[in-house]
Amino acid sequence: MTAEEPRLQAWLDKQYHGEMAWMARHGMLRARPHELLPGTLRVISVRMNYLPAKAAFASTLNNPELGYVSRYALGRDYHKLLRQRLKKLGDQIQHYCLEQNNLDRHDLELHDLEQHDSERQGQPEQHTASEINFRPFVDSAPIMERSLAAKAGIGWVGKHSLILNRDAGSWFFLGELLIDLPLPVDKPQEEQCGRCVACMTTCPTGAIVAPYTVDARRCISYLTIELEGAIPEEFRPLMGNRIYGCDDCQLICPWNRFSQLTDEDDFSPRAVLHTPQLLDLFAWNEEKFLRVTEGSAIRRIGHLRWLRNISVALGNAPYLDSIVLALETRRGLHPMLDEHIEWAISQQLARRATQAVEVQLPQKKRLIRAIEKGLPRDA
């Protein structure tokens, strides 16, 4: 992982991490798993598919009155489930090593009957189960999980910086099990993106500033999830109806023709988040937000940022009296929210004055056409 350190430092030096101060704070620790778990010899990387059977990509993106939630967040938060599976894997390895150690000890005791103790001096000690240490991680520690996944052969890093697998696309979560066993090392996959730059040209905000390099400060996922303050005005019209995350760079990727659907019930879309009306979501008070998002990744942004994101989407929607009224009723909750509400109202009133209809961005038009034609299939 030492080869990743200069690239990571260059990315941080350009401030591409935005307000995610923890990324700079941990620095090169992200490329040094052995410092997270002393004695680490290997990292087992795993993936878990999350694409639901009824993702409704095109129908949601194509309707500005609906809110688009990144498909990974439609169901239950993945962290706990995947961490439990990794813990179970570690326990199974521990159990297997214990059994092997008992067998080895039994064989050694039989051999001792024919050998004098002095003849065994200098032999290496057996690696007992009690010496095996492991620790699971699921996007919960400073670790470069994509680089590790690439080294482990799960896939290659695409130009959008996500891991791609030729048989599964990119709709999967990653997890790691740090362990102090000298397991065999897998062979990395060859990069298969070729000359394709579909993800770069489709990104609404131009966040993929170079192949394999994302400026988080421009990324809609960062703007709607990680950014705590006001969303820069230049990006608001480009966000469309995306209220939590963005999947455009994955949706347009040709390799996602081969994406695999999840078989985990926990990742099935919650009805209230599947093709939801923006005005319905905007009407939630904090109590309902916390109740509905319990166990969901969405809960981490809190009610205020939830309203902030929806305000922007309402500002991008076709003019409706009901939208302006809903926005006005939310005034005064917080100065940061008020800024987005006033912007959204001004957008709505300008649209009414000019009798303008929604004009989709060229990238969005191409994306929806591609989805409808099955590239990738509208699962």
Foldseek 3Di string as FASTA:
>chain_A
DVVCQVVLVVQVVVVLVPPPVVLVVCRCVQVPVCVVPPLFDAKDKDKAFQAAPQQCVLVLLVALQFADAPLQQQFFDCFVVVQVVLVVVLVVVLVVQQVVVVVVVVVVVVVCVVDPPVVCPPPDDRCHSVNKDKHKDFPNDSHPQQVSCQQQAVAHQWQVRAGQDLQAGGRIGMMIMGINDNDDGHHGDDDDCPPDPLLQVLQLQNQSVGGNRGSLLRFPQCQQAVDLFANPPVCLLSCANHRHGDCLSRLQDLSNLNHDHGPDPRSHGDPCNRRHGLLVQLPDDQVVVCVVQVSTPVPVSGDLSSNLSSLSSLLLAAADPVSLVSLVVPPPPDPRSNVSSVSSNVSNVVCVVVVDHHDDDPSSVVSSVCQPVPSPDSD
